[in-house]
Every structure is written in structure tokens, then in C-alpha cells.
């Protein structure tokens, strides 16, 4: 999709029935077994759009909403910047990449099988869901949140994301450089992660985040 971004329409989706070279963040391999979802959507950026980096948050909220129609929302948790957890294990990941004036957002969702990862637990939905049907739901939720983002900016997306993510006070570590350790405070107005550290408030714009201790939701 990146290679053909100039000729594809805004909102174009592609679903892979099989992947031979799946890829996650930082170039990690990503296994997509039959029955899971591997799909990407193309966003053609418009002159009046908010910053493109915020699209990962738009995608996260849309994905949460789609999965919540097949799993109890209380079991789900968004983890900054691009993971969806269920019962504390990775259920889905998002990867956004830009090519000129277009952004391709990839979704990998464990609908039927949980691939083994060396550095984190994974999980799949207890009752497998047809990938084509799930993609139809996801396409609808993403289109709705994308339009809201274009009309009203990040504010409604940020509020929805914070309501579905690790609550304030959760202890997080961010791999460096520089490495950070602190408690989640909020999302900044630009979508960055704000941590309360021993050195004061820090805004994190990228990095690998790990949950070290969940705070109770208020």
C-alpha cells in the first residue's frame, strides 16, 4: 500500500489472507496465523488534518471499539502507543507508516490464535471471529473516529483513549535512549505520553513502553 499510495483512494483497505513477512514496530517479525486479522488502511492526508502522528491513537480507539463487540470491555486495555491488551496479554498491535502525503495503518489482531512472542505474553479471543466480518466492523469504527478527528481534532480521541487505557498513576517504563521510569499522568495535547518521574514531568514521544504496576481506576 505504501508503494501504491499515490494511486489508491482515501479509506482503501487491504486484508492479507496470509503473510510471509509480517512486521511489527522496530522491525520485529509478526506472525499472522490463518483466522487472525492482518489488514491495513490508507489515509490520504488533507491540508486541514491534525498532525499525522495522532493517527495511531485514532486507530487504537477504533480497534478497542471493534474488539469490544466480541469481548468484555473491562478485559481490554489500550497501551501507549500501539497495543491492545486483553487480561494483560497482547491481543493486537498497530503499525502506522507514512509515505509522503499518505499514512498506512496496519492492524494485527489475534482473533483465533495467539502467536508466541519472546518478550511478552499473547492472547486470542476465546471465541474466534471471522476475519472478514471483523474487518467490516473495524472499517466502520475507524471511519467514524477518523472523521471525528478531522472535524474536532485530538480532544475527543484523547478523552476516549484515556478512558480505555492504563489509568493515571500506573507505573510505566520506557526503553531508551533515554530510558524513563515514571507514573502515567495523562496524554499531552499532541498525543505524547506524560510521565511523572523523580526528575519531574516528562513528555515521551516514542519508545517501547512496559506496564510495571497498574493503578486502580477511579
Foldseek 3Di string as FASTA:
>chain_A
DLVCLVPDDAFDKDWDQADDADAAPPGDGDHADHLWTKMKGKHQADPQADDPLCLLLLLQLLLLVLCCVQDPLVQWADDPPFFIGGVQFTFKGWDWDDRVRMIMIIITGQQDDWDDDPPTHHDHRPDHDRNVVSVVSSSVSSVVSSVCCSVPNCVVSQVSNQVRHQHFQFWKWFVDVVTDTFTFHGQDSSRWTWGQGPVGIDTHDDGDMDTDGGDDDD
